[in-house]
Amino acid sequence: MVQRFHDKYRIPSIRLQNWDYGWNGNYFITICTAGHEPYFGKISDRRVELSEIGLFSHQFWMEIPNHFLFAELDASL
């Protein structure tokens, strides 16, 4: 990747240097979209209204334990 992009998109890693991310543990996942566009849905009256893309994403999120038996999901909509 470094050669492909000639270091243009490389930033210092924020990962812990002494942590093996293959270990079991709790992981917090943040998803940011280009230009902060609300592709996944919107908040209305303090509730999440998922877009079509958001519905697909939620479906795929809920299927993760079906593909990785050791994975547990902590939060859901």
PDB file of N, CA and C in Angstrom:
ATOM      1  N   MET A   1       0.816  -1.187   0.000  1.00  0.00           N
ATOM      2  CA  MET A   1       0.000   0.000   0.000  1.00  0.00           C
ATOM      3  C   MET A   1       0.862   1.254   0.000  1.00  0.00           C
ATOM      4  N   VAL A   2       1.954   1.240   0.712  1.00  0.00           N
ATOM      5  CA  VAL A   2       2.809   2.412   0.771  1.00  0.00           C
ATOM      6  C   VAL A   2       3.312   2.772  -0.624  1.00  0.00           C
ATOM      7  N   GLN A   3       3.741   1.764  -1.401  1.00  0.00           N
ATOM      8  CA  GLN A   3       4.229   2.058  -2.744  1.00  0.00           C
ATOM      9  C   GLN A   3       3.097   2.500  -3.657  1.00  0.00           C
ATOM     10  N   ARG A   4       1.942   1.897  -3.523  1.00  0.00           N
ATOM     11  CA  ARG A   4       0.817   2.215  -4.399  1.00  0.00           C
ATOM     12  C   ARG A   4       0.416   3.687  -4.269  1.00  0.00           C
ATOM     13  N   PHE A   5       0.364   4.198  -3.044  1.00  0.00           N
ATOM     14  CA  PHE A   5      -0.094   5.561  -2.822  1.00  0.00           C
ATOM     15  C   PHE A   5       1.047   6.530  -2.518  1.00  0.00           C
ATOM     16  N   HIS A   6       2.281   6.047  -2.589  1.00  0.00           N
ATOM     17  CA  HIS A   6       3.466   6.893  -2.391  1.00  0.00           C
ATOM     18  C   HIS A   6       3.374   7.709  -1.105  1.00  0.00           C
ATOM     19  N   ASP A   7       2.931   7.066  -0.025  1.00  0.00           N
ATOM     20  CA  ASP A   7       2.802   7.687   1.300  1.00  0.00           C
ATOM     21  C   ASP A   7       1.801   8.832   1.348  1.00  0.00           C
ATOM     22  N   LYS A   8       0.998   9.021   0.319  1.00  0.00           N
ATOM     23  CA  LYS A   8       0.054  10.132   0.276  1.00  0.00           C
ATOM     24  C   LYS A   8      -1.023  10.001   1.342  1.00  0.00           C
ATOM     25  N   TYR A   9      -1.505   8.787   1.602  1.00  0.00           N
ATOM     26  CA  TYR A   9      -2.618   8.599   2.526  1.00  0.00           C
ATOM     27  C   TYR A   9      -2.191   7.982   3.846  1.00  0.00           C
ATOM     28  N   ARG A  10      -0.911   7.828   4.083  1.00  0.00           N
ATOM     29  CA  ARG A  10      -0.447   7.206   5.316  1.00  0.00           C
ATOM     30  C   ARG A  10      -0.441   8.216   6.440  1.00  0.00           C
ATOM     31  N   ILE A  11      -1.020   7.819   7.576  1.00  0.00           N
ATOM     32  CA  ILE A  11      -0.971   8.620   8.784  1.00  0.00           C
ATOM     33  C   ILE A  11      -0.427   7.725   9.890  1.00  0.00           C
ATOM     34  N   PRO A  12       0.110   8.298  10.917  1.00  0.00           N
ATOM     35  CA  PRO A  12       0.601   7.462  12.017  1.00  0.00           C
ATOM     36  C   PRO A  12      -0.545   6.634  12.598  1.00  0.00           C
ATOM     37  N   SER A  13      -0.257   5.406  12.931  1.00  0.00           N
ATOM     38  CA  SER A  13      -1.266   4.512  13.479  1.00  0.00           C
ATOM     39  C   SER A  13      -1.654   4.944  14.884  1.00  0.00           C
ATOM     40  N   ILE A  14      -2.955   4.883  15.177  1.00  0.00           N
ATOM     41  CA  ILE A  14      -3.412   5.172  16.540  1.00  0.00           C
ATOM     42  C   ILE A  14      -3.603   3.885  17.334  1.00  0.00           C
ATOM     43  N   ARG A  15      -3.257   2.756  16.713  1.00  0.00           N
ATOM     44  CA  ARG A  15      -3.376   1.476  17.405  1.00  0.00           C
ATOM     45  C   ARG A  15      -2.326   1.376  18.511  1.00  0.00           C
ATOM     46  N   LEU A  16      -2.703   0.687  19.592  1.00  0.00           N
ATOM     47  CA  LEU A  16      -1.738   0.441  20.662  1.00  0.00           C
ATOM     48  C   LEU A  16      -0.618  -0.437  20.129  1.00  0.00           C
ATOM     49  N   GLN A  17       0.605  -0.053  20.361  1.00  0.00           N
ATOM     50  CA  GLN A  17       1.745  -0.785  19.820  1.00  0.00           C
ATOM     51  C   GLN A  17       1.946  -2.141  20.480  1.00  0.00           C
ATOM     52  N   ASN A  18       1.535  -2.279  21.736  1.00  0.00           N
ATOM     53  CA  ASN A  18       1.769  -3.534  22.455  1.00  0.00           C
ATOM     54  C   ASN A  18       0.510  -4.397  22.557  1.00  0.00           C
ATOM     55  N   TRP A  19      -0.499  -4.128  21.744  1.00  0.00           N
ATOM     56  CA  TRP A  19      -1.746  -4.892  21.784  1.00  0.00           C
ATOM     57  C   TRP A  19      -1.891  -5.687  20.496  1.00  0.00           C
ATOM     58  N   ASP A  20      -2.222  -6.963  20.624  1.00  0.00           N
ATOM     59  CA  ASP A  20      -2.491  -7.800  19.453  1.00  0.00           C
ATOM     60  C   ASP A  20      -3.998  -7.762  19.204  1.00  0.00           C
ATOM     61  N   TYR A  21      -4.401  -7.130  18.124  1.00  0.00           N
ATOM     62  CA  TYR A  21      -5.823  -6.968  17.850  1.00  0.00           C
ATOM     63  C   TYR A  21      -6.504  -8.272  17.433  1.00  0.00           C
ATOM     64  N   GLY A  22      -5.770  -9.355  17.412  1.00  0.00           N
ATOM     65  CA  GLY A  22      -6.351 -10.672  17.215  1.00  0.00           C
ATOM     66  C   GLY A  22      -6.842 -11.278  18.528  1.00  0.00           C
ATOM     67  N   TRP A  23      -6.466 -10.644  19.642  1.00  0.00           N
ATOM     68  CA  TRP A  23      -6.893 -11.123  20.949  1.00  0.00           C
ATOM     69  C   TRP A  23      -8.377 -10.841  21.158  1.00  0.00           C
ATOM     70  N   ASN A  24      -8.998 -11.666  22.003  1.00  0.00           N
ATOM     71  CA  ASN A  24     -10.375 -11.391  22.406  1.00  0.00           C
ATOM     72  C   ASN A  24     -10.407 -10.095  23.199  1.00  0.00           C
ATOM     73  N   GLY A  25     -11.456  -9.349  23.031  1.00  0.00           N
ATOM     74  CA  GLY A  25     -11.608  -8.101  23.759  1.00  0.00           C
ATOM     75  C   GLY A  25     -12.804  -7.339  23.235  1.00  0.00           C
ATOM     76  N   ASN A  26     -13.094  -6.235  23.875  1.00  0.00           N
ATOM     77  CA  ASN A  26     -14.163  -5.357  23.410  1.00  0.00           C
ATOM     78  C   ASN A  26     -13.560  -4.307  22.494  1.00  0.00           C
ATOM     79  N   TYR A  27     -14.180  -4.110  21.352  1.00  0.00           N
ATOM     80  CA  TYR A  27     -13.687  -3.144  20.380  1.00  0.00           C
ATOM     81  C   TYR A  27     -14.800  -2.173  20.036  1.00  0.00           C
ATOM     82  N   PHE A  28     -14.495  -0.900  20.058  1.00  0.00           N
ATOM     83  CA  PHE A  28     -15.435   0.150  19.711  1.00  0.00           C
ATOM     84  C   PHE A  28     -15.186   0.515  18.253  1.00  0.00           C
ATOM     85  N   ILE A  29     -16.229   0.474  17.442  1.00  0.00           N
ATOM     86  CA  ILE A  29     -16.092   0.734  16.013  1.00  0.00           C
ATOM     87  C   ILE A  29     -16.747   2.062  15.685  1.00  0.00           C
ATOM     88  N   THR A  30     -16.007   2.923  15.014  1.00  0.00           N
ATOM     89  CA  THR A  30     -16.513   4.216  14.574  1.00  0.00           C
ATOM     90  C   THR A  30     -16.508   4.226  13.057  1.00  0.00           C
ATOM     91  N   ILE A  31     -17.597   4.666  12.474  1.00  0.00           N
ATOM     92  CA  ILE A  31     -17.681   4.774  11.021  1.00  0.00           C
ATOM     93  C   ILE A  31     -17.898   6.238  10.675  1.00  0.00           C
ATOM     94  N   CYS A  32     -17.008   6.784   9.860  1.00  0.00           N
ATOM     95  CA  CYS A  32     -17.138   8.157   9.390  1.00  0.00           C
ATOM     96  C   CYS A  32     -17.366   8.122   7.887  1.00  0.00           C
ATOM     97  N   THR A  33     -18.229   8.996   7.403  1.00  0.00           N
ATOM     98  CA  THR A  33     -18.513   9.040   5.971  1.00  0.00           C
ATOM     99  C   THR A  33     -17.885  10.278   5.352  1.00  0.00           C
ATOM    100  N   ALA A  34     -17.619  10.204   4.060  1.00  0.00           N
ATOM    101  CA  ALA A  34     -17.036  11.329   3.335  1.00  0.00           C
ATOM    102  C   ALA A  34     -17.950  12.544   3.461  1.00  0.00           C
ATOM    103  N   GLY A  35     -17.384  13.650   3.858  1.00  0.00           N
ATOM    104  CA  GLY A  35     -18.147  14.879   3.982  1.00  0.00           C
ATOM    105  C   GLY A  35     -19.216  14.839   5.060  1.00  0.00           C
ATOM    106  N   HIS A  36     -19.135  13.854   5.946  1.00  0.00           N
ATOM    107  CA  HIS A  36     -20.113  13.680   7.030  1.00  0.00           C
ATOM    108  C   HIS A  36     -21.544  13.541   6.495  1.00  0.00           C
ATOM    109  N   GLU A  37     -21.671  12.978   5.311  1.00  0.00           N
ATOM    110  CA  GLU A  37     -22.991  12.758   4.718  1.00  0.00           C
ATOM    111  C   GLU A  37     -23.747  11.692   5.511  1.00  0.00           C
ATOM    112  N   PRO A  38     -25.026  11.885   5.750  1.00  0.00           N
ATOM    113  CA  PRO A  38     -25.824  10.923   6.533  1.00  0.00           C
ATOM    114  C   PRO A  38     -26.310   9.748   5.678  1.00  0.00           C
ATOM    115  N   TYR A  39     -25.368   8.999   5.118  1.00  0.00           N
ATOM    116  CA  TYR A  39     -25.717   7.882   4.235  1.00  0.00           C
ATOM    117  C   TYR A  39     -26.532   6.811   4.947  1.00  0.00           C
ATOM    118  N   PHE A  40     -26.289   6.619   6.228  1.00  0.00           N
ATOM    119  CA  PHE A  40     -26.905   5.513   6.964  1.00  0.00           C
ATOM    120  C   PHE A  40     -28.273   5.857   7.528  1.00  0.00           C
ATOM    121  N   GLY A  41     -28.633   7.108   7.516  1.00  0.00           N
ATOM    122  CA  GLY A  41     -29.929   7.514   8.024  1.00  0.00           C
ATOM    123  C   GLY A  41     -29.855   8.861   8.698  1.00  0.00           C
ATOM    124  N   LYS A  42     -30.866   9.158   9.497  1.00  0.00           N
ATOM    125  CA  LYS A  42     -30.908  10.444  10.189  1.00  0.00           C
ATOM    126  C   LYS A  42     -31.551  10.269  11.555  1.00  0.00           C
ATOM    127  N   ILE A  43     -31.380  11.281  12.383  1.00  0.00           N
ATOM    128  CA  ILE A  43     -31.995  11.313  13.701  1.00  0.00           C
ATOM    129  C   ILE A  43     -33.226  12.205  13.601  1.00  0.00           C
ATOM    130  N   SER A  44     -34.358  11.679  14.024  1.00  0.00           N
ATOM    131  CA  SER A  44     -35.597  12.449  14.007  1.00  0.00           C
ATOM    132  C   SER A  44     -36.340  12.164  15.303  1.00  0.00           C
ATOM    133  N   ASP A  45     -36.669  13.210  16.032  1.00  0.00           N
ATOM    134  CA  ASP A  45     -37.341  13.043  17.328  1.00  0.00           C
ATOM    135  C   ASP A  45     -36.575  12.085  18.231  1.00  0.00           C
ATOM    136  N   ARG A  46     -35.262  12.237  18.256  1.00  0.00           N
ATOM    137  CA  ARG A  46     -34.364  11.445  19.101  1.00  0.00           C
ATOM    138  C   ARG A  46     -34.374   9.961  18.767  1.00  0.00           C
ATOM    139  N   ARG A  47     -34.810   9.622  17.566  1.00  0.00           N
ATOM    140  CA  ARG A  47     -34.811   8.221  17.108  1.00  0.00           C
ATOM    141  C   ARG A  47     -34.045   8.136  15.804  1.00  0.00           C
ATOM    142  N   VAL A  48     -33.427   6.998  15.578  1.00  0.00           N
ATOM    143  CA  VAL A  48     -32.700   6.758  14.344  1.00  0.00           C
ATOM    144  C   VAL A  48     -33.673   6.283  13.275  1.00  0.00           C
ATOM    145  N   GLU A  49     -33.650   6.943  12.136  1.00  0.00           N
ATOM    146  CA  GLU A  49     -34.410   6.505  10.966  1.00  0.00           C
ATOM    147  C   GLU A  49     -33.395   6.061   9.925  1.00  0.00           C
ATOM    148  N   LEU A  50     -33.261   4.757   9.749  1.00  0.00           N
ATOM    149  CA  LEU A  50     -32.258   4.231   8.839  1.00  0.00           C
ATOM    150  C   LEU A  50     -32.679   4.423   7.386  1.00  0.00           C
ATOM    151  N   SER A  51     -31.698   4.761   6.560  1.00  0.00           N
ATOM    152  CA  SER A  51     -31.905   4.819   5.117  1.00  0.00           C
ATOM    153  C   SER A  51     -31.819   3.389   4.581  1.00  0.00           C
ATOM    154  N   GLU A  52     -31.980   3.239   3.289  1.00  0.00           N
ATOM    155  CA  GLU A  52     -31.849   1.904   2.691  1.00  0.00           C
ATOM    156  C   GLU A  52     -30.455   1.334   2.948  1.00  0.00           C
ATOM    157  N   ILE A  53     -29.444   2.164   2.790  1.00  0.00           N
ATOM    158  CA  ILE A  53     -28.068   1.732   3.066  1.00  0.00           C
ATOM    159  C   ILE A  53     -27.927   1.390   4.552  1.00  0.00           C
ATOM    160  N   GLY A  54     -28.543   2.183   5.407  1.00  0.00           N
ATOM    161  CA  GLY A  54     -28.503   1.919   6.840  1.00  0.00           C
ATOM    162  C   GLY A  54     -29.158   0.597   7.202  1.00  0.00           C
ATOM    163  N   LEU A  55     -30.266   0.283   6.541  1.00  0.00           N
ATOM    164  CA  LEU A  55     -30.940  -0.993   6.790  1.00  0.00           C
ATOM    165  C   LEU A  55     -30.070  -2.168   6.374  1.00  0.00           C
ATOM    166  N   PHE A  56     -29.416  -2.053   5.213  1.00  0.00           N
ATOM    167  CA  PHE A  56     -28.498  -3.108   4.774  1.00  0.00           C
ATOM    168  C   PHE A  56     -27.348  -3.253   5.766  1.00  0.00           C
ATOM    169  N   SER A  57     -26.791  -2.129   6.186  1.00  0.00           N
ATOM    170  CA  SER A  57     -25.668  -2.154   7.123  1.00  0.00           C
ATOM    171  C   SER A  57     -26.059  -2.808   8.435  1.00  0.00           C
ATOM    172  N   HIS A  58     -27.240  -2.481   8.940  1.00  0.00           N
ATOM    173  CA  HIS A  58     -27.719  -3.078  10.193  1.00  0.00           C
ATOM    174  C   HIS A  58     -27.906  -4.585  10.031  1.00  0.00           C
ATOM    175  N   GLN A  59     -28.472  -4.987   8.906  1.00  0.00           N
ATOM    176  CA  GLN A  59     -28.656  -6.417   8.640  1.00  0.00           C
ATOM    177  C   GLN A  59     -27.312  -7.139   8.638  1.00  0.00           C
ATOM    178  N   PHE A  60     -26.333  -6.579   7.933  1.00  0.00           N
ATOM    179  CA  PHE A  60     -25.015  -7.220   7.860  1.00  0.00           C
ATOM    180  C   PHE A  60     -24.325  -7.219   9.223  1.00  0.00           C
ATOM    181  N   TRP A  61     -24.499  -6.147   9.986  1.00  0.00           N
ATOM    182  CA  TRP A  61     -23.929  -6.082  11.333  1.00  0.00           C
ATOM    183  C   TRP A  61     -24.483  -7.220  12.196  1.00  0.00           C
ATOM    184  N   MET A  62     -25.800  -7.424  12.137  1.00  0.00           N
ATOM    185  CA  MET A  62     -26.429  -8.456  12.946  1.00  0.00           C
ATOM    186  C   MET A  62     -26.023  -9.865  12.513  1.00  0.00           C
ATOM    187  N   GLU A  63     -25.555 -10.025  11.286  1.00  0.00           N
ATOM    188  CA  GLU A  63     -25.129 -11.335  10.781  1.00  0.00           C
ATOM    189  C   GLU A  63     -23.689 -11.689  11.139  1.00  0.00           C
ATOM    190  N   ILE A  64     -22.926 -10.758  11.681  1.00  0.00           N
ATOM    191  CA  ILE A  64     -21.512 -11.022  11.992  1.00  0.00           C
ATOM    192  C   ILE A  64     -21.342 -12.287  12.834  1.00  0.00           C
ATOM    193  N   PRO A  65     -22.101 -12.483  13.926  1.00  0.00           N
ATOM    194  CA  PRO A  65     -21.907 -13.703  14.724  1.00  0.00           C
ATOM    195  C   PRO A  65     -22.209 -14.998  13.957  1.00  0.00           C
ATOM    196  N   ASN A  66     -22.992 -14.924  12.891  1.00  0.00           N
ATOM    197  CA  ASN A  66     -23.254 -16.117  12.079  1.00  0.00           C
ATOM    198  C   ASN A  66     -22.019 -16.549  11.293  1.00  0.00           C
ATOM    199  N   HIS A  67     -21.132 -15.617  11.042  1.00  0.00           N
ATOM    200  CA  HIS A  67     -19.925 -15.895  10.255  1.00  0.00           C
ATOM    201  C   HIS A  67     -18.684 -16.055  11.127  1.00  0.00           C
ATOM    202  N   PHE A  68     -18.721 -15.439  12.310  1.00  0.00           N
ATOM    203  CA  PHE A  68     -17.607 -15.504  13.257  1.00  0.00           C
ATOM    204  C   PHE A  68     -18.196 -15.916  14.595  1.00  0.00           C
ATOM    205  N   LEU A  69     -18.171 -17.211  14.878  1.00  0.00           N
ATOM    206  CA  LEU A  69     -18.867 -17.752  16.050  1.00  0.00           C
ATOM    207  C   LEU A  69     -18.352 -17.197  17.367  1.00  0.00           C
ATOM    208  N   PHE A  70     -17.137 -16.692  17.386  1.00  0.00           N
ATOM    209  CA  PHE A  70     -16.551 -16.150  18.612  1.00  0.00           C
ATOM    210  C   PHE A  70     -16.944 -14.691  18.835  1.00  0.00           C
ATOM    211  N   ALA A  71     -17.568 -14.046  17.853  1.00  0.00           N
ATOM    212  CA  ALA A  71     -17.927 -12.623  17.962  1.00  0.00           C
ATOM    213  C   ALA A  71     -19.262 -12.455  18.676  1.00  0.00           C
ATOM    214  N   GLU A  72     -19.306 -11.456  19.537  1.00  0.00           N
ATOM    215  CA  GLU A  72     -20.541 -11.081  20.222  1.00  0.00           C
ATOM    216  C   GLU A  72     -20.773  -9.599  19.981  1.00  0.00           C
ATOM    217  N   LEU A  73     -22.005  -9.246  19.677  1.00  0.00           N
ATOM    218  CA  LEU A  73     -22.350  -7.849  19.476  1.00  0.00           C
ATOM    219  C   LEU A  73     -22.882  -7.284  20.781  1.00  0.00           C
ATOM    220  N   ASP A  74     -22.443  -6.089  21.132  1.00  0.00           N
ATOM    221  CA  ASP A  74     -22.847  -5.486  22.394  1.00  0.00           C
ATOM    222  C   ASP A  74     -24.017  -4.534  22.220  1.00  0.00           C
ATOM    223  N   ALA A  75     -24.022  -3.755  21.151  1.00  0.00           N
ATOM    224  CA  ALA A  75     -25.040  -2.727  20.989  1.00  0.00           C
ATOM    225  C   ALA A  75     -25.763  -2.911  19.671  1.00  0.00           C
ATOM    226  N   SER A  76     -27.000  -2.515  19.662  1.00  0.00           N
ATOM    227  CA  SER A  76     -27.818  -2.600  18.460  1.00  0.00           C
ATOM    228  C   SER A  76     -28.802  -1.452  18.491  1.00  0.00           C
ATOM    229  N   LEU A  77     -29.429  -1.203  17.366  1.00  0.00           N
ATOM    230  CA  LEU A  77     -30.448  -0.146  17.314  1.00  0.00           C
ATOM    231  C   LEU A  77     -31.717  -0.636  17.961  1.00  0.00           C
TER     232      LEU A  77
END
